[in-house]
């Protein structure tokens, strides 16, 4: 078995032609290949469910059988386990797979395998000596085909043949100076399955991060941060295509989780990393926050007001003004994703995360306990005096509970599920209540902005009354959470 460390980048066909003439490649002989690949799976797509790819590849006159695990990529970088051996098309021989359980899984299903999709592309390859490393740089141009449907391939893959992973990033930075390159997160196999299944683009929600107590805090942070980045990147296309409300919501959550993770692990992170990236995502997060606020107002806050006051002349004016501002906020998000600094930020952040070194020798479980205790104490302290809090202080309490929830979710694999589940359920209910309160505070500001200072009327009264009712219900929800034993 080999471990493949690969950086994948998308580019336009014009940029691909330009790349072939780049000075870094000028004195290196390239090889050209035509690669035809057929990917197989069971009728129930059991390999896809396990994030495994099995393919036959025709490379010149040779046929190869390849098995790849498909760990998720972040910032375009993926680390995959790979087994490859010469083969006869249609004969599935997995004797070269040296992981016994994995090989057994494949062999038990090999008589069910059927072709799912093909990738047909031409590859130009350079072996680039760079820094302390040897890096294979390949441009792939062609198409993926399944059931008569096609989608184009135009991408770069940089694979570390020998040396240090940070040399891949340094090489890519130099290429980005003259060529637009965008970190790609979906492998050809993933895109092929999406084509086969005719899957529509859907919002992507965060997934549990598989950390374990044998990891150092830095290793755990790396897994968590890259998981947050994947969460954001997988919603990026939805943002660029117009930003349905749930794409906006998930992208905003992803950046909130990422910024929370940086703050949470700040005691063990290098100060220069925290200084560089602690606030880097703030502008984009702010634009997503503005858009999300208008979405919530239009979809959740305004409908019951319109139902309560169907004849009120301000309702129509309010809806139009809110729609206009929501559209403007979406354009701001798209604009931020279109600037050339954005793909560079993805790459720089991924590189910085991958090259982090341990700074504080502390067991991960001890670090997790310290951070959970600290956040829980802060939340309990604010909860104990909730009746005295101003709206601004109540907002800070909401943020404290949100940080506590993210902390528990990040460290969930280290905690006893029996205690964690009811604690998180109570915390989630509390967050929902505080979120509704905050939505109505925000609505007052949005209404004032959208109605351009018009005199207060029944709409303002409805918002104010609803806000007071939610605040009156808060003590019961707080008490439910306070009664839980911390995990």
Protein backbone atom coordinates (compact mmCIF):
# COMPACT_ATOMS: atom_id res chain seq x y z
CA UNK A 1 0.00 0.00 0.00
CA UNK A 2 1.09 3.56 -0.67
CA UNK A 3 -0.26 6.77 0.83
CA UNK A 4 -1.05 9.31 -1.84
CA UNK A 5 -0.61 12.97 -0.84
CA UNK A 6 -2.25 14.98 -3.58
CA UNK A 7 -3.32 18.57 -4.15
CA UNK A 8 -6.10 19.05 -6.68
CA UNK A 9 -6.76 22.41 -8.37
CA UNK A 10 -9.33 23.47 -10.94
CA UNK A 11 -8.54 25.84 -13.79
CA UNK A 12 -9.95 26.99 -17.10
CA UNK A 13 -8.89 25.39 -20.42
CA UNK A 14 -7.15 28.68 -21.31
CA UNK A 15 -5.21 28.62 -18.01
CA UNK A 16 -4.30 24.97 -18.62
CA UNK A 17 -2.68 25.90 -21.94
CA UNK A 18 -0.85 28.75 -20.23
CA UNK A 19 0.42 26.48 -17.45
CA UNK A 20 2.22 24.21 -19.89
CA UNK A 21 4.49 27.16 -20.79
CA UNK A 22 5.21 28.18 -17.19
CA UNK A 23 8.93 28.90 -16.46
CA UNK A 24 8.94 26.34 -13.62
CA UNK A 25 8.28 23.62 -16.21
CA UNK A 26 10.40 25.03 -19.04
CA UNK A 27 13.40 22.69 -18.73
CA UNK A 28 11.53 19.57 -17.67
CA UNK A 29 10.56 16.91 -20.19
CA UNK A 30 6.86 16.06 -19.94
CA UNK A 31 5.06 12.82 -20.69
CA UNK A 32 1.66 12.61 -22.33
CA UNK A 33 -0.81 9.84 -21.59
CA UNK A 34 -4.34 8.89 -22.57
CA UNK A 35 -6.11 7.44 -19.54
CA UNK A 36 -9.39 5.57 -19.81
CA UNK A 37 -10.88 4.48 -16.46
CA UNK A 38 -13.97 2.49 -15.61
CA UNK A 39 -15.21 2.61 -12.02
CA UNK A 40 -17.14 -0.31 -10.52
CA UNK A 41 -19.51 -0.80 -7.61
CA UNK A 42 -22.25 -3.12 -6.40
CA UNK A 43 -25.90 -2.40 -7.35
CA UNK A 44 -26.37 -1.06 -3.80
CA UNK A 45 -23.28 1.20 -4.20
CA UNK A 46 -21.61 -0.32 -1.14
CA UNK A 47 -18.16 0.96 -2.17
CA UNK A 48 -19.50 4.47 -2.53
CA UNK A 49 -21.04 4.26 0.94
CA UNK A 50 -17.64 3.27 2.34
CA UNK A 51 -15.85 6.01 0.37
CA UNK A 52 -13.86 3.48 -1.65
CA UNK A 53 -13.11 3.52 -5.39
CA UNK A 54 -12.33 0.45 -7.51
CA UNK A 55 -11.37 1.03 -11.14
CA UNK A 56 -9.74 -0.53 -14.16
CA UNK A 57 -7.41 1.88 -15.93
CA UNK A 58 -6.07 1.57 -19.47
CA UNK A 59 -2.69 3.31 -19.56
CA UNK A 60 -1.17 2.95 -23.00
CA UNK A 61 -1.25 -0.83 -23.64
CA UNK A 62 -1.29 -1.70 -19.94
CA UNK A 63 -4.31 -2.36 -17.73
CA UNK A 64 -4.19 -1.62 -14.01
CA UNK A 65 -6.59 -2.38 -11.17
CA UNK A 66 -6.62 0.40 -8.59
CA UNK A 67 -8.26 0.56 -5.16
CA UNK A 68 -8.41 3.91 -3.38
CA UNK A 69 -9.82 5.00 -0.09
CA UNK A 70 -11.48 8.38 -0.42
CA UNK A 71 -10.76 10.43 2.66
CA UNK A 72 -12.31 13.90 2.33
CA UNK A 73 -10.16 16.72 0.98
CA UNK A 74 -9.83 20.23 2.38
CA UNK A 75 -8.24 23.16 0.63
CA UNK A 76 -7.75 20.79 -2.30
CA UNK A 77 -5.33 18.52 -0.39
CA UNK A 78 -6.17 14.85 0.09
CA UNK A 79 -4.30 11.96 1.67
CA UNK A 80 -5.55 8.64 0.34
CA UNK A 81 -4.54 5.02 0.72
CA UNK A 82 -3.96 3.43 -2.67
CA UNK A 83 -3.27 -0.07 -4.01
CA UNK A 84 -2.50 -0.60 -7.69
CA UNK A 85 -1.36 -3.64 -9.72
CA UNK A 86 -1.38 -4.90 -13.34
CA UNK A 87 -4.68 -6.59 -14.16
CA UNK A 88 -6.87 -8.20 -16.79
CA UNK A 89 -10.05 -6.19 -17.46
CA UNK A 90 -13.07 -7.74 -15.80
CA UNK A 91 -11.06 -10.01 -13.49
CA UNK A 92 -11.08 -8.65 -9.94
CA UNK A 93 -7.96 -9.80 -8.13
CA UNK A 94 -7.38 -7.96 -4.85
CA UNK A 95 -4.35 -9.96 -3.68
CA UNK A 96 -2.29 -6.75 -3.83
CA UNK A 97 -4.47 -5.13 -1.12
CA UNK A 98 -2.46 -5.71 2.06
CA UNK A 99 -5.22 -4.74 4.54
CA UNK A 100 -6.89 -8.05 5.41
CA UNK A 101 -10.33 -6.81 6.47
CA UNK A 102 -10.53 -4.38 3.57
CA UNK A 103 -9.46 -7.05 1.05
CA UNK A 104 -12.06 -9.45 2.46
CA UNK A 105 -14.75 -6.74 2.09
CA UNK A 106 -13.86 -6.31 -1.61
CA UNK A 107 -13.54 -10.01 -2.41
CA UNK A 108 -16.95 -10.85 -0.95
CA UNK A 109 -18.57 -8.33 -3.30
CA UNK A 110 -16.47 -8.69 -6.45
CA UNK A 111 -18.99 -10.96 -8.21
CA UNK A 112 -21.58 -8.18 -7.87
CA UNK A 113 -19.45 -5.41 -9.40
CA UNK A 114 -20.82 -3.53 -12.40
CA UNK A 115 -19.57 -0.45 -14.27
CA UNK A 116 -20.89 2.84 -12.88
CA UNK A 117 -19.09 5.56 -14.85
CA UNK A 118 -15.98 6.22 -16.93
CA UNK A 119 -13.39 8.98 -16.96
CA UNK A 120 -11.63 9.60 -20.26
CA UNK A 121 -8.89 12.23 -20.26
CA UNK A 122 -5.49 13.16 -21.58
CA UNK A 123 -2.78 13.80 -19.01
CA UNK A 124 0.45 15.76 -19.37
CA UNK A 125 2.92 15.02 -16.57
CA UNK A 126 6.05 16.75 -15.29
CA UNK A 127 8.23 15.45 -12.42
CA UNK A 128 9.27 18.71 -10.79
CA UNK A 129 12.24 18.92 -8.40
CA UNK A 130 11.20 21.61 -5.95
CA UNK A 131 12.64 22.55 -2.57
CA UNK A 132 13.49 19.30 -0.84
CA UNK A 133 10.91 17.33 -2.80
CA UNK A 134 10.02 15.66 -6.05
CA UNK A 135 6.47 16.56 -7.11
CA UNK A 136 4.46 15.10 -9.95
CA UNK A 137 2.46 17.85 -11.65
CA UNK A 138 -0.24 16.63 -14.02
CA UNK A 139 -2.80 18.47 -16.14
CA UNK A 140 -5.91 16.40 -16.87
CA UNK A 141 -8.33 17.39 -19.64
CA UNK A 142 -11.27 15.28 -20.75
CA UNK A 143 -14.66 14.17 -19.47
CA UNK A 144 -16.60 11.98 -17.06
CA UNK A 145 -19.44 9.94 -18.61
CA UNK A 146 -22.30 7.94 -17.09
CA UNK A 147 -25.48 6.80 -18.78
CA UNK A 148 -25.07 9.24 -21.66
CA UNK A 149 -24.46 12.22 -19.35
CA UNK A 150 -21.11 14.01 -19.41
CA UNK A 151 -19.23 16.59 -17.38
CA UNK A 152 -15.83 18.10 -18.27
CA UNK A 153 -12.49 17.54 -16.54
CA UNK A 154 -9.92 20.35 -16.46
CA UNK A 155 -7.73 20.16 -13.39
CA UNK A 156 -4.22 19.94 -12.01
CA UNK A 157 -3.03 17.26 -9.63
CA UNK A 158 0.20 17.74 -7.69
CA UNK A 159 1.34 14.53 -6.03
CA UNK A 160 4.19 14.34 -3.54
CA UNK A 161 6.52 11.61 -4.81
CA UNK A 162 9.18 12.29 -2.18
CA UNK A 163 9.93 15.03 0.32
CA UNK A 164 7.82 17.46 2.34
CA UNK A 165 4.14 18.26 1.97
CA UNK A 166 4.71 22.02 2.39
CA UNK A 167 6.76 22.04 -0.84
CA UNK A 168 3.53 21.23 -2.73
CA UNK A 169 1.98 24.40 -1.34
CA UNK A 170 5.04 26.53 -2.05
CA UNK A 171 5.09 25.33 -5.66
CA UNK A 172 1.38 26.07 -6.00
CA UNK A 173 1.84 29.60 -4.62
CA UNK A 174 4.37 30.31 -7.34
CA UNK A 175 2.00 28.97 -9.99
CA UNK A 176 -0.86 31.08 -8.59
CA UNK A 177 1.13 34.26 -9.14
CA UNK A 178 0.39 34.11 -12.87
CA UNK A 179 -2.40 31.54 -13.24
CA UNK A 180 -5.85 31.37 -11.62
CA UNK A 181 -6.01 28.09 -9.70
CA UNK A 182 -8.84 27.07 -7.39
CA UNK A 183 -8.54 24.36 -4.71
CA UNK A 184 -10.89 21.53 -5.69
CA UNK A 185 -12.54 19.32 -3.14
CA UNK A 186 -14.37 16.69 -5.24
CA UNK A 187 -12.37 13.82 -6.73
CA UNK A 188 -13.15 12.47 -10.20
CA UNK A 189 -14.77 9.47 -8.50
CA UNK A 190 -17.03 11.68 -6.40
CA UNK A 191 -18.06 13.66 -9.47
CA UNK A 192 -18.67 10.42 -11.36
CA UNK A 193 -21.01 9.08 -8.70
CA UNK A 194 -22.87 12.41 -8.62
CA UNK A 195 -23.35 12.12 -12.39
CA UNK A 196 -24.47 8.48 -12.15
CA UNK A 197 -26.97 9.29 -9.41
CA UNK A 198 -28.06 12.51 -11.12
CA UNK A 199 -27.69 14.16 -7.73
CA UNK A 200 -28.88 17.75 -7.41
CA UNK A 201 -26.64 20.18 -5.58
CA UNK A 202 -27.56 20.05 -1.89
CA UNK A 203 -26.43 22.04 1.16
CA UNK A 204 -23.71 20.19 3.05
CA UNK A 205 -23.92 19.88 6.84
CA UNK A 206 -21.03 19.41 9.23
CA UNK A 207 -19.96 15.87 10.05
CA UNK A 208 -18.42 14.51 13.27
CA UNK A 209 -14.64 14.80 13.22
CA UNK A 210 -12.88 11.48 14.04
CA UNK A 211 -10.39 12.62 16.67
CA UNK A 212 -9.03 10.26 19.33
CA UNK A 213 -7.19 10.58 22.64
CA UNK A 214 -3.92 9.31 21.15
CA UNK A 215 -3.68 12.52 19.13
CA UNK A 216 -1.93 15.65 20.33
CA UNK A 217 -4.02 18.84 20.61
CA UNK A 218 -2.41 20.11 17.39
CA UNK A 219 -3.31 16.91 15.52
CA UNK A 220 -6.89 17.18 16.79
CA UNK A 221 -7.05 20.83 15.75
CA UNK A 222 -5.80 19.90 12.28
CA UNK A 223 -8.63 17.39 11.85
CA UNK A 224 -11.24 19.79 13.21
CA UNK A 225 -10.09 22.84 11.23
CA UNK A 226 -9.89 20.94 7.95
CA UNK A 227 -13.32 19.44 8.64
CA UNK A 228 -14.71 22.96 9.05
CA UNK A 229 -12.99 24.05 5.84
CA UNK A 230 -14.47 21.08 3.96
CA UNK A 231 -17.90 22.01 5.37
CA UNK A 232 -17.51 25.50 3.90
CA UNK A 233 -16.04 24.44 0.55
CA UNK A 234 -18.81 21.93 -0.10
CA UNK A 235 -21.36 24.76 0.14
CA UNK A 236 -19.30 27.13 -1.99
CA UNK A 237 -20.88 26.16 -5.34
CA UNK A 238 -24.33 26.72 -3.89
CA UNK A 239 -23.28 30.21 -2.80
CA UNK A 240 -21.96 31.04 -6.26
CA UNK A 241 -25.13 29.79 -7.96
CA UNK A 242 -27.32 32.23 -6.07
CA UNK A 243 -27.13 31.16 -2.47
CA UNK A 244 -30.31 29.40 -1.42
CA UNK A 245 -30.97 30.10 2.24
CA UNK A 246 -29.65 26.76 3.50
CA UNK A 247 -26.37 27.10 1.56
CA UNK A 248 -25.91 30.50 3.23
CA UNK A 249 -26.76 29.02 6.61
CA UNK A 250 -24.38 26.06 6.32
CA UNK A 251 -21.52 28.20 4.99
CA UNK A 252 -22.01 30.61 7.88
CA UNK A 253 -22.05 27.75 10.41
CA UNK A 254 -18.86 26.35 8.86
CA UNK A 255 -16.98 29.62 9.33
CA UNK A 256 -18.37 30.07 12.83
CA UNK A 257 -17.15 26.62 13.76
CA UNK A 258 -13.76 27.29 12.16
CA UNK A 259 -13.28 30.59 14.00
CA UNK A 260 -14.43 28.96 17.24
CA UNK A 261 -11.92 26.13 16.74
CA UNK A 262 -9.06 28.62 16.31
CA UNK A 263 -10.06 30.39 19.55
CA UNK A 264 -10.59 27.10 21.37
CA UNK A 265 -7.13 25.77 20.49
CA UNK A 266 -5.36 29.15 20.73
CA UNK A 267 -3.48 28.10 23.94
CA UNK A 268 -1.65 25.35 21.99
CA UNK A 269 -1.39 27.09 18.60
CA UNK A 270 1.59 29.20 17.57
CA UNK A 271 0.79 32.87 18.30
CA UNK A 272 1.67 33.84 14.73
CA UNK A 273 -0.92 31.35 13.39
CA UNK A 274 -3.65 32.78 15.64
CA UNK A 275 -2.64 36.33 14.69
CA UNK A 276 -2.71 35.48 10.98
CA UNK A 277 -5.94 33.50 10.83
CA UNK A 278 -7.96 34.41 13.92
CA UNK A 279 -9.63 37.33 12.11
CA UNK A 280 -8.97 36.36 8.48
CA UNK A 281 -12.43 34.90 7.90
CA UNK A 282 -14.29 37.77 9.58
CA UNK A 283 -15.22 39.76 6.44
CA UNK A 284 -16.68 36.73 4.67
CA UNK A 285 -18.40 35.57 7.87
CA UNK A 286 -19.90 39.06 8.27
CA UNK A 287 -21.29 39.06 4.73
CA UNK A 288 -22.82 35.61 5.29
CA UNK A 289 -24.25 36.82 8.60
CA UNK A 290 -25.95 39.80 6.95
CA UNK A 291 -27.46 37.56 4.29
CA UNK A 292 -28.61 35.01 6.85
CA UNK A 293 -30.28 37.71 8.96
CA UNK A 294 -32.38 38.87 6.00
CA UNK A 295 -33.23 35.26 5.08
CA UNK A 296 -34.45 34.51 8.60
CA UNK A 297 -36.46 37.72 8.61
CA UNK A 298 -38.13 36.91 5.27
CA UNK A 299 -38.72 33.20 5.87
CA UNK A 300 -39.39 32.98 9.61
CA UNK A 301 -40.07 36.34 11.23
CA UNK A 302 -42.15 38.18 8.62
CA UNK A 303 -44.76 35.48 7.69
CA UNK A 304 -46.52 35.41 11.11
CA UNK A 305 -46.50 39.24 11.17
CA UNK A 306 -48.11 39.31 7.71
CA UNK A 307 -50.69 36.78 8.90
CA UNK A 308 -51.47 38.89 11.97
CA UNK A 309 -51.78 42.16 10.01
CA UNK A 310 -52.84 41.20 6.45
CA UNK A 311 -54.15 44.69 5.64
CA UNK A 312 -51.16 46.61 6.98
CA UNK A 313 -49.65 48.70 4.19
CA UNK A 314 -46.14 48.39 5.61
CA UNK A 315 -46.01 44.61 5.11
CA UNK A 316 -45.62 44.77 1.33
CA UNK A 317 -43.10 47.60 1.61
CA UNK A 318 -41.19 45.68 4.26
CA UNK A 319 -41.07 42.47 2.20
CA UNK A 320 -39.81 44.25 -0.92
CA UNK A 321 -37.16 46.16 1.01
CA UNK A 322 -36.02 42.97 2.76
CA UNK A 323 -35.85 41.05 -0.52
CA UNK A 324 -33.80 43.85 -2.06
CA UNK A 325 -31.37 43.86 0.83
CA UNK A 326 -31.12 40.06 0.89
CA UNK A 327 -30.27 40.09 -2.82
CA UNK A 328 -27.63 42.79 -2.26
CA UNK A 329 -26.13 40.79 0.61
CA UNK A 330 -25.88 37.70 -1.63
CA UNK A 331 -24.04 39.71 -4.26
CA UNK A 332 -21.56 40.78 -1.58
CA UNK A 333 -20.87 37.13 -0.70
CA UNK A 334 -20.40 36.19 -4.36
CA UNK A 335 -18.11 39.19 -4.81
CA UNK A 336 -15.90 38.10 -1.91
CA UNK A 337 -15.60 34.59 -3.36
CA UNK A 338 -14.65 36.02 -6.76
CA UNK A 339 -11.61 38.01 -5.65
CA UNK A 340 -8.26 36.44 -6.49
CA UNK A 341 -7.24 36.48 -2.82
CA UNK A 342 -9.95 33.95 -1.92
CA UNK A 343 -8.45 30.80 -3.55
CA UNK A 344 -5.06 31.90 -2.23
CA UNK A 345 -6.50 32.13 1.28
CA UNK A 346 -7.85 28.57 1.02
CA UNK A 347 -4.45 27.32 -0.03
CA UNK A 348 -2.47 29.37 2.51
CA UNK A 349 -4.71 28.33 5.38
CA UNK A 350 -4.58 24.65 4.41
CA UNK A 351 -0.79 24.84 4.14
CA UNK A 352 -0.52 26.56 7.52
CA UNK A 353 -2.73 23.93 9.19
CA UNK A 354 -0.85 20.99 7.67
CA UNK A 355 2.54 22.34 8.71
CA UNK A 356 1.66 23.19 12.32
CA UNK A 357 4.03 21.78 14.94
CA UNK A 358 3.19 20.89 18.54
CA UNK A 359 3.88 23.73 20.98
CA UNK A 360 2.43 22.55 24.32
CA UNK A 361 3.03 18.94 25.49
CA UNK A 362 -0.36 18.16 27.05
CA UNK A 363 -2.56 15.07 26.56
CA UNK A 364 -5.56 15.83 24.37
CA UNK A 365 -8.02 14.51 26.93
CA UNK A 366 -6.63 16.85 29.61
CA UNK A 367 -6.75 19.80 27.21
CA UNK A 368 -10.34 18.95 26.28
CA UNK A 369 -11.39 18.77 29.95
CA UNK A 370 -9.80 22.15 30.67
CA UNK A 371 -11.54 23.82 27.74
CA UNK A 372 -14.94 22.24 28.39
CA UNK A 373 -14.79 23.22 32.07
CA UNK A 374 -13.79 26.78 31.22
CA UNK A 375 -16.61 27.27 28.69
CA UNK A 376 -19.19 25.56 30.92
CA UNK A 377 -18.26 27.76 33.89
CA UNK A 378 -18.60 30.92 31.81
CA UNK A 379 -21.99 29.83 30.47
CA UNK A 380 -23.27 28.88 33.93
CA UNK A 381 -22.06 32.17 35.39
CA UNK A 382 -24.03 34.14 32.80
CA UNK A 383 -27.07 31.86 33.12
CA UNK A 384 -27.19 32.43 36.89
CA UNK A 385 -27.84 36.14 36.40
CA UNK A 386 -29.92 35.99 33.21
CA UNK A 387 -32.75 38.05 34.73
CA UNK A 388 -30.41 41.04 35.07
CA UNK A 389 -28.97 40.87 31.55
CA UNK A 390 -29.48 43.59 28.98
CA UNK A 391 -30.22 42.56 25.36
CA UNK A 392 -26.51 43.06 24.55
CA UNK A 393 -25.45 40.90 27.51
CA UNK A 394 -28.05 38.27 26.59
CA UNK A 395 -26.50 38.18 23.12
CA UNK A 396 -23.10 37.52 24.72
CA UNK A 397 -24.68 34.72 26.74
CA UNK A 398 -26.01 33.20 23.51
CA UNK A 399 -22.50 33.30 22.02
CA UNK A 400 -21.10 31.67 25.18
CA UNK A 401 -23.57 28.79 24.84
CA UNK A 402 -22.79 28.45 21.14
CA UNK A 403 -19.06 28.19 21.91
CA UNK A 404 -19.77 25.59 24.58
CA UNK A 405 -21.81 23.53 22.12
CA UNK A 406 -19.09 23.70 19.45
CA UNK A 407 -16.50 22.70 22.05
CA UNK A 408 -18.53 19.66 23.08
CA UNK A 409 -19.15 18.67 19.45
CA UNK A 410 -15.46 18.97 18.60
CA UNK A 411 -14.43 16.81 21.55
CA UNK A 412 -17.42 14.43 21.37
CA UNK A 413 -15.34 11.31 20.49
CA UNK A 414 -13.50 11.73 23.81
CA UNK A 415 -16.66 12.03 25.94
CA UNK A 416 -19.10 9.41 27.32
CA UNK A 417 -22.13 9.34 24.95
CA UNK A 418 -24.56 8.48 27.77
CA UNK A 419 -23.92 11.85 29.43
CA UNK A 420 -23.18 13.87 26.32
CA UNK A 421 -26.43 13.15 24.46
CA UNK A 422 -28.93 14.60 27.03
CA UNK A 423 -26.57 17.47 27.84
CA UNK A 424 -26.29 18.46 24.17
CA UNK A 425 -30.06 18.08 23.69
CA UNK A 426 -30.75 20.52 26.55
CA UNK A 427 -28.04 22.85 25.27
CA UNK A 428 -29.48 22.73 21.74
CA UNK A 429 -32.96 23.60 23.04
CA UNK A 430 -31.50 26.51 24.98
CA UNK A 431 -29.60 27.72 21.93
CA UNK A 432 -32.76 27.58 19.84
CA UNK A 433 -34.60 29.72 22.39
CA UNK A 434 -31.79 32.25 22.60
CA UNK A 435 -31.57 32.23 18.81
CA UNK A 436 -35.26 33.15 18.50
CA UNK A 437 -34.80 35.96 21.00
CA UNK A 438 -31.83 37.24 19.02
CA UNK A 439 -33.78 36.97 15.75
CA UNK A 440 -36.43 39.31 17.14
CA UNK A 441 -33.84 41.77 18.43
CA UNK A 442 -32.25 41.69 14.97
CA UNK A 443 -35.70 42.09 13.36
CA UNK A 444 -36.25 45.38 15.17
CA UNK A 445 -33.04 46.71 13.61
CA UNK A 446 -33.91 45.32 10.17
CA UNK A 447 -37.43 46.80 10.27
CA UNK A 448 -36.07 50.22 11.21
CA UNK A 449 -33.58 49.97 8.34
CA UNK A 450 -36.06 48.65 5.78
CA UNK A 451 -38.84 51.10 6.66
CA UNK A 452 -36.37 53.96 6.73
CA UNK A 453 -37.35 55.37 10.10
CA UNK A 454 -41.16 55.34 9.63
CA UNK A 455 -43.12 55.83 12.87
CA UNK A 456 -43.62 52.79 15.07
CA UNK A 457 -46.81 50.86 14.34
CA UNK A 458 -48.44 47.49 14.99
CA UNK A 459 -45.52 45.62 13.38
CA UNK A 460 -43.10 47.09 15.91
CA UNK A 461 -45.55 46.21 18.69
CA UNK A 462 -45.85 42.60 17.49
CA UNK A 463 -42.07 42.17 17.45
CA UNK A 464 -41.73 43.75 20.88
CA UNK A 465 -44.46 41.56 22.37
CA UNK A 466 -43.09 38.38 20.84
CA UNK A 467 -39.62 39.25 22.14
CA UNK A 468 -40.98 39.77 25.67
CA UNK A 469 -42.82 36.43 25.54
CA UNK A 470 -39.67 34.55 24.47
CA UNK A 471 -37.64 36.19 27.23
CA UNK A 472 -40.29 35.14 29.79
CA UNK A 473 -39.94 31.50 28.67
CA UNK A 474 -36.16 31.53 28.98
CA UNK A 475 -35.87 30.64 32.73
CA UNK A 476 -37.56 27.26 32.22
CA UNK A 477 -35.23 26.31 29.35
CA UNK A 478 -32.20 27.49 31.34
CA UNK A 479 -33.27 25.39 34.30
CA UNK A 480 -33.55 22.28 32.11
CA UNK A 481 -29.97 22.76 30.99
CA UNK A 482 -28.67 23.61 34.48
CA UNK A 483 -30.18 20.35 35.77
CA UNK A 484 -28.00 18.28 33.41
CA UNK A 485 -24.75 16.71 34.53
CA UNK A 486 -21.80 17.89 32.47
CA UNK A 487 -20.27 15.09 30.36
